[in-house]
Amino acid sequence: MEPLFRKGTLLIFEPKATYTDRQYVLVRLAESRQVIFRQLITDADTRYLKAISPDYNAFPMRLLSEQDHILGALIEARQIF
C-alpha cells in the first residue's frame, strides 16, 4: 500500500458508505473469498478495482463482478508514529 499508506497506518472503513469513483474500498472476491484493498474506478456503469501498489504489472486492474462484495469504503487513515 506504500507510498500512499505507510506501514503502521490505521485504516477505518464504513460498511454503509456510498461508493464513488476513485474511492478506496475493501472487497471480498467471489471466486476466492479473499479480501483485498483497492481503489474503485468507475467508467459509466462499469466498475474496476485498481491496485494501490506502484507495481501495476503484478496487480493489473480487474473488473468488479456482480458476485464480488464491497465490504466498506475507506473514510479515514491515521498515521501512527
Protein backbone atom coordinates (compact mmCIF):
# COMPACT_ATOMS: atom_id res chain seq x y z
CA MET A 1 0.00 0.00 0.00
CA GLU A 2 3.04 2.24 0.15
CA PRO A 3 3.81 5.01 -0.65
CA LEU A 4 0.23 6.27 -0.21
CA PHE A 5 -0.42 4.35 3.03
CA ARG A 6 2.76 3.73 5.01
CA LYS A 7 3.27 0.68 7.19
CA GLY A 8 1.53 1.22 10.51
CA THR A 9 -1.28 3.38 9.11
CA LEU A 10 -4.64 2.70 10.76
CA LEU A 11 -7.37 2.44 8.11
CA ILE A 12 -11.01 2.99 9.11
CA PHE A 13 -13.81 1.75 6.85
CA GLU A 14 -17.55 2.48 6.69
CA PRO A 15 -19.61 -0.53 5.56
CA LYS A 16 -22.72 1.53 4.77
CA ALA A 17 -20.97 4.17 2.64
CA THR A 18 -21.99 5.15 -0.86
CA TYR A 19 -19.20 4.01 -3.16
CA THR A 20 -17.90 6.65 -5.55
CA ASP A 21 -15.26 6.87 -8.27
CA ARG A 22 -11.63 6.78 -7.05
CA GLN A 23 -12.63 5.78 -3.51
CA TYR A 24 -10.61 3.16 -1.62
CA VAL A 25 -12.59 0.05 -0.72
CA LEU A 26 -12.34 -3.37 0.91
CA VAL A 27 -13.70 -6.06 -1.40
CA ARG A 28 -14.38 -9.77 -0.89
CA LEU A 29 -13.73 -11.53 -4.19
CA ALA A 30 -16.40 -14.06 -5.12
CA GLU A 31 -14.12 -16.69 -6.67
CA SER A 32 -11.58 -16.92 -3.83
CA ARG A 33 -13.40 -15.30 -0.84
CA GLN A 34 -10.17 -13.30 -0.40
CA VAL A 35 -10.48 -9.75 0.98
CA ILE A 36 -8.48 -7.11 -0.89
CA PHE A 37 -7.91 -3.35 -0.51
CA ARG A 38 -8.19 -1.48 -3.82
CA GLN A 39 -9.20 1.80 -5.43
CA LEU A 40 -12.61 1.75 -7.11
CA ILE A 41 -12.58 3.18 -10.64
CA THR A 42 -15.92 3.88 -12.33
CA ASP A 43 -16.42 4.23 -16.08
CA ALA A 44 -20.13 4.80 -16.85
CA ASP A 45 -21.82 1.71 -15.33
CA THR A 46 -18.66 -0.40 -15.23
CA ARG A 47 -16.56 -0.58 -12.07
CA TYR A 48 -12.94 -1.68 -11.83
CA LEU A 49 -10.56 -2.41 -8.96
CA LYS A 50 -7.15 -0.78 -9.23
CA ALA A 51 -4.20 -1.89 -7.13
CA ILE A 52 -2.66 0.71 -4.84
CA SER A 53 0.81 -0.75 -5.32
CA PRO A 54 3.02 1.14 -7.78
CA ASP A 55 3.93 -2.25 -9.29
CA TYR A 56 0.92 -2.31 -11.63
CA ASN A 57 2.23 -5.27 -13.65
CA ALA A 58 1.99 -7.53 -10.61
CA PHE A 59 -1.56 -6.39 -9.82
CA PRO A 60 -3.45 -5.50 -13.01
CA MET A 61 -6.72 -3.59 -12.86
CA ARG A 62 -9.66 -6.00 -12.78
CA LEU A 63 -13.37 -5.75 -13.43
CA LEU A 64 -15.54 -5.71 -10.31
CA SER A 65 -18.06 -8.50 -10.89
CA GLU A 66 -21.60 -8.55 -9.55
CA GLN A 67 -20.62 -11.51 -7.37
CA ASP A 68 -17.82 -9.55 -5.65
CA HIS A 69 -18.91 -7.80 -2.46
CA ILE A 70 -17.70 -4.37 -1.33
CA LEU A 71 -17.34 -4.62 2.44
CA GLY A 72 -16.68 -0.94 3.14
CA ALA A 73 -15.21 2.35 1.97
CA LEU A 74 -12.16 4.00 3.49
CA ILE A 75 -13.28 7.05 5.47
CA GLU A 76 -10.14 7.80 7.49
CA ALA A 77 -6.44 6.93 7.56
CA ARG A 78 -4.40 7.63 10.70
CA GLN A 79 -0.62 7.52 10.71
CA ILE A 80 0.70 6.05 13.94
CA PHE A 81 4.19 7.17 14.96
